[in-house]
Amino acid sequence: MFTGIITDMGEVLALEQQGDLWARIGTSYDVDTVDIGASIACDGVCLTVISKGKDPQDWFDVQISAESVAKTNIGRNSWHVGRRLNLERALKVGDELGGHIVAGHVDGVAEIVSIRDEGDSSRFTFRAPDDLASFIAPKGSVTLNGTSLTVNEVSGAEFGVNIIPHTKEVTTWGTAKAGDPINIEIDTMARYVARLQEWNA
């Protein structure tokens, strides 16, 4: 489990198709503190560390299944060598829950429709996949590229969020642009409410 509070910006150092897709990700985490088998959310995708090292910088390797590639922006040729990624290590018991409960299970791919400045912050408008739009509510939480964000307004499949300067500085949102495919994970509570309604219908 995660909180959607990004703690590092990693970089894709290598990608190779080896049955599953293999990636090496550079990080500022001290990999001596990262266990083999640990989970790290990479742009919101929960991935398992399969190896690690420190030459020439700290890095860890992950394998990405065909299912994960198909469900995320990885399958939109979004990942490439040099791409920056939002990283978050798994939540420990007793950690501060600064965002919201995030599973690291991406539900689909949204798209940035527009970005406009509002003071020092930026208002991002996204278009969600039609099958996920009903799970997104004003003042609710949504996870976008691994970042816990609050929804400001919703209009059909489009919704807006406000991203403050600090978030743009410590995540990849500072370099995002209109048209980018974005990993979206809907709020877990919304998912269970919808399932209960479906079951009781």
Protein backbone atom coordinates (compact mmCIF):
# COMPACT_ATOMS: atom_id res chain seq x y z
CA MET A 1 0.00 0.00 0.00
CA PHE A 2 1.03 3.59 -0.67
CA THR A 3 -0.14 7.13 0.14
CA GLY A 4 0.37 8.95 -3.15
CA ILE A 5 3.03 11.20 -1.59
CA ILE A 6 5.98 11.13 -3.98
CA THR A 7 9.36 10.77 -2.26
CA ASP A 8 11.74 10.61 -5.23
CA MET A 9 11.96 11.27 -8.95
CA GLY A 10 13.64 8.30 -10.55
CA GLU A 11 14.89 7.86 -14.10
CA VAL A 12 14.53 5.00 -16.55
CA LEU A 13 18.12 3.90 -17.20
CA ALA A 14 17.39 0.89 -19.43
CA LEU A 15 14.44 -0.97 -20.93
CA GLU A 16 14.45 -4.42 -22.52
CA GLN A 17 11.80 -6.88 -23.58
CA GLN A 18 12.67 -10.20 -21.92
CA GLY A 19 9.36 -12.05 -22.11
CA ASP A 20 8.12 -9.48 -19.60
CA LEU A 21 9.40 -5.92 -19.93
CA TRP A 22 12.50 -5.32 -17.79
CA ALA A 23 13.45 -1.86 -16.57
CA ARG A 24 16.36 -0.43 -14.61
CA ILE A 25 15.42 2.66 -12.64
CA GLY A 26 17.88 5.12 -11.14
CA THR A 27 16.93 6.52 -7.76
CA SER A 28 18.14 8.72 -4.92
CA TYR A 29 16.90 6.07 -2.45
CA ASP A 30 19.74 4.30 -0.66
CA VAL A 31 19.21 0.86 -2.17
CA ASP A 32 20.97 -0.72 0.83
CA THR A 33 17.66 -0.01 2.62
CA VAL A 34 15.55 -1.55 -0.19
CA ASP A 35 14.92 -5.29 0.04
CA ILE A 36 14.75 -7.61 -2.94
CA GLY A 37 11.02 -8.27 -3.31
CA ALA A 38 10.07 -4.82 -2.00
CA SER A 39 7.29 -2.89 -3.72
CA ILE A 40 7.94 0.54 -5.21
CA ALA A 41 5.28 2.56 -7.01
CA CYS A 42 6.71 3.87 -10.28
CA ASP A 43 4.41 6.53 -11.78
CA GLY A 44 1.68 4.82 -9.74
CA VAL A 45 2.42 1.27 -10.90
CA CYS A 46 3.28 -1.08 -8.02
CA LEU A 47 6.40 -2.95 -9.14
CA THR A 48 8.61 -5.52 -7.39
CA VAL A 49 12.33 -4.98 -6.96
CA ILE A 50 14.15 -7.99 -8.46
CA SER A 51 17.73 -6.71 -8.21
CA LYS A 52 19.59 -3.57 -7.16
CA GLY A 53 22.99 -1.93 -7.24
CA LYS A 54 25.00 1.27 -6.83
CA ASP A 55 27.09 1.62 -9.99
CA PRO A 56 27.35 4.38 -11.13
CA GLN A 57 24.34 5.48 -9.03
CA ASP A 58 21.73 3.73 -6.90
CA TRP A 59 19.36 1.70 -9.08
CA PHE A 60 16.83 -1.11 -8.91
CA ASP A 61 15.43 -3.48 -11.54
CA VAL A 62 11.79 -4.42 -12.06
CA GLN A 63 9.85 -6.75 -14.35
CA ILE A 64 6.61 -5.40 -15.81
CA SER A 65 3.97 -7.91 -16.87
CA ALA A 66 2.07 -7.69 -20.15
CA GLU A 67 -1.08 -6.92 -18.12
CA SER A 68 0.58 -3.93 -16.46
CA VAL A 69 1.92 -2.69 -19.79
CA ALA A 70 -1.54 -2.95 -21.37
CA LYS A 71 -3.34 -1.18 -18.48
CA THR A 72 -0.91 1.72 -18.03
CA ASN A 73 0.81 4.47 -19.95
CA ILE A 74 3.78 2.12 -20.35
CA GLY A 75 1.80 0.57 -23.20
CA ARG A 76 1.43 3.99 -24.83
CA ASN A 77 5.19 4.09 -25.44
CA SER A 78 5.37 6.58 -22.58
CA TRP A 79 8.37 4.95 -20.88
CA HIS A 80 11.74 5.42 -22.54
CA VAL A 81 15.36 5.69 -21.44
CA GLY A 82 15.77 9.04 -19.71
CA ARG A 83 12.12 9.36 -18.67
CA ARG A 84 11.60 10.67 -15.15
CA LEU A 85 9.25 8.71 -12.89
CA ASN A 86 7.42 9.54 -9.68
CA LEU A 87 8.57 7.04 -7.04
CA GLU A 88 7.12 6.05 -3.68
CA ARG A 89 8.22 3.26 -1.37
CA ALA A 90 5.58 1.09 0.28
CA LEU A 91 3.82 2.41 3.38
CA LYS A 92 5.12 1.14 6.74
CA VAL A 93 2.94 0.74 9.82
CA GLY A 94 3.20 4.00 11.75
CA ASP A 95 4.04 6.16 8.70
CA GLU A 96 2.18 9.43 8.27
CA LEU A 97 -0.75 9.05 5.87
CA GLY A 98 -0.36 12.38 4.11
CA GLY A 99 -2.31 11.50 0.97
CA HIS A 100 -4.88 8.72 0.76
CA ILE A 101 -4.76 4.93 0.62
CA VAL A 102 -3.32 3.94 -2.77
CA ALA A 103 -2.95 0.35 -3.94
CA GLY A 104 -0.59 0.92 -6.86
CA HIS A 105 -3.05 -0.90 -9.13
CA VAL A 106 -3.60 1.39 -12.10
CA ASP A 107 -7.17 1.32 -13.42
CA GLY A 108 -6.55 2.94 -16.78
CA VAL A 109 -4.97 5.82 -18.67
CA ALA A 110 -6.26 9.39 -18.59
CA GLU A 111 -5.06 12.25 -20.79
CA ILE A 112 -4.06 15.81 -19.98
CA VAL A 113 -6.52 18.03 -21.87
CA SER A 114 -5.11 21.40 -20.82
CA ILE A 115 -2.85 23.18 -18.34
CA ARG A 116 -3.30 26.79 -17.31
CA ASP A 117 -1.58 28.88 -14.67
CA GLU A 118 -3.62 30.14 -11.72
CA GLY A 119 -1.32 32.33 -9.66
CA ASP A 120 1.75 30.25 -8.84
CA SER A 121 -0.22 27.00 -9.17
CA SER A 122 -1.41 25.21 -12.31
CA ARG A 123 -4.91 23.97 -13.09
CA PHE A 124 -4.75 20.67 -14.96
CA THR A 125 -7.78 19.32 -16.82
CA PHE A 126 -7.83 15.59 -17.50
CA ARG A 127 -10.07 13.31 -19.53
CA ALA A 128 -10.73 9.99 -17.81
CA PRO A 129 -11.67 6.79 -19.65
CA ASP A 130 -15.48 6.63 -19.88
CA ASP A 131 -15.65 3.50 -17.71
CA LEU A 132 -13.84 5.28 -14.86
CA ALA A 133 -15.46 8.71 -15.07
CA SER A 134 -18.31 7.86 -12.68
CA PHE A 135 -15.80 7.07 -9.89
CA ILE A 136 -14.40 10.62 -9.89
CA ALA A 137 -16.19 13.17 -7.68
CA PRO A 138 -15.56 16.81 -6.73
CA LYS A 139 -13.42 17.06 -3.57
CA GLY A 140 -12.67 13.33 -3.84
CA SER A 141 -9.21 11.81 -4.17
CA VAL A 142 -7.61 10.44 -7.31
CA THR A 143 -4.13 9.07 -7.97
CA LEU A 144 -2.45 10.36 -11.13
CA ASN A 145 1.01 9.05 -12.06
CA GLY A 146 1.28 7.93 -8.46
CA THR A 147 0.42 11.32 -6.96
CA SER A 148 -2.48 11.73 -4.53
CA LEU A 149 -4.52 14.70 -5.76
CA THR A 150 -7.85 16.31 -4.87
CA VAL A 151 -10.46 16.69 -7.59
CA ASN A 152 -11.71 20.27 -7.90
CA GLU A 153 -14.48 19.92 -10.46
CA VAL A 154 -15.99 17.32 -12.76
CA SER A 155 -17.75 17.72 -16.10
CA GLY A 156 -18.64 14.45 -17.77
CA ALA A 157 -15.42 12.50 -18.27
CA GLU A 158 -13.29 15.60 -17.68
CA PHE A 159 -12.06 16.72 -14.29
CA GLY A 160 -9.70 19.32 -12.91
CA VAL A 161 -7.05 19.39 -10.22
CA ASN A 162 -4.86 22.16 -8.89
CA ILE A 163 -1.13 21.45 -8.60
CA ILE A 164 0.89 23.71 -6.31
CA PRO A 165 4.48 24.83 -6.98
CA HIS A 166 5.95 22.42 -4.39
CA THR A 167 4.32 19.43 -6.10
CA LYS A 168 5.54 20.58 -9.52
CA GLU A 169 9.05 20.90 -8.09
CA VAL A 170 9.34 17.48 -6.43
CA THR A 171 7.44 15.40 -9.01
CA THR A 172 7.26 15.05 -12.78
CA TRP A 173 4.23 17.39 -12.93
CA GLY A 174 6.60 20.29 -13.53
CA THR A 175 7.37 18.97 -17.03
CA ALA A 176 3.92 17.57 -17.92
CA LYS A 177 2.19 18.80 -21.08
CA ALA A 178 -1.18 18.60 -22.77
CA GLY A 179 -1.71 15.26 -24.51
CA ASP A 180 0.41 13.25 -22.08
CA PRO A 181 -1.06 9.85 -21.11
CA ILE A 182 -1.43 9.61 -17.33
CA ASN A 183 -1.85 6.56 -15.10
CA ILE A 184 -5.06 6.85 -13.08
CA GLU A 185 -6.09 4.91 -10.01
CA ILE A 186 -9.54 5.65 -8.65
CA ASP A 187 -10.18 5.96 -4.92
CA THR A 188 -10.55 2.57 -3.24
CA MET A 189 -13.63 3.73 -1.33
CA ALA A 190 -15.37 4.75 -4.57
CA ARG A 191 -14.62 1.32 -6.01
CA TYR A 192 -16.27 -0.51 -3.09
CA VAL A 193 -19.29 1.80 -3.00
CA ALA A 194 -19.88 1.10 -6.68
CA ARG A 195 -19.55 -2.65 -6.11
CA LEU A 196 -22.07 -2.55 -3.25
CA GLN A 197 -24.54 -0.64 -5.41
CA GLU A 198 -24.06 -3.14 -8.22
CA TRP A 199 -24.58 -6.08 -5.84
CA ASN A 200 -27.73 -4.56 -4.33
CA ALA A 201 -29.27 -3.59 -7.68
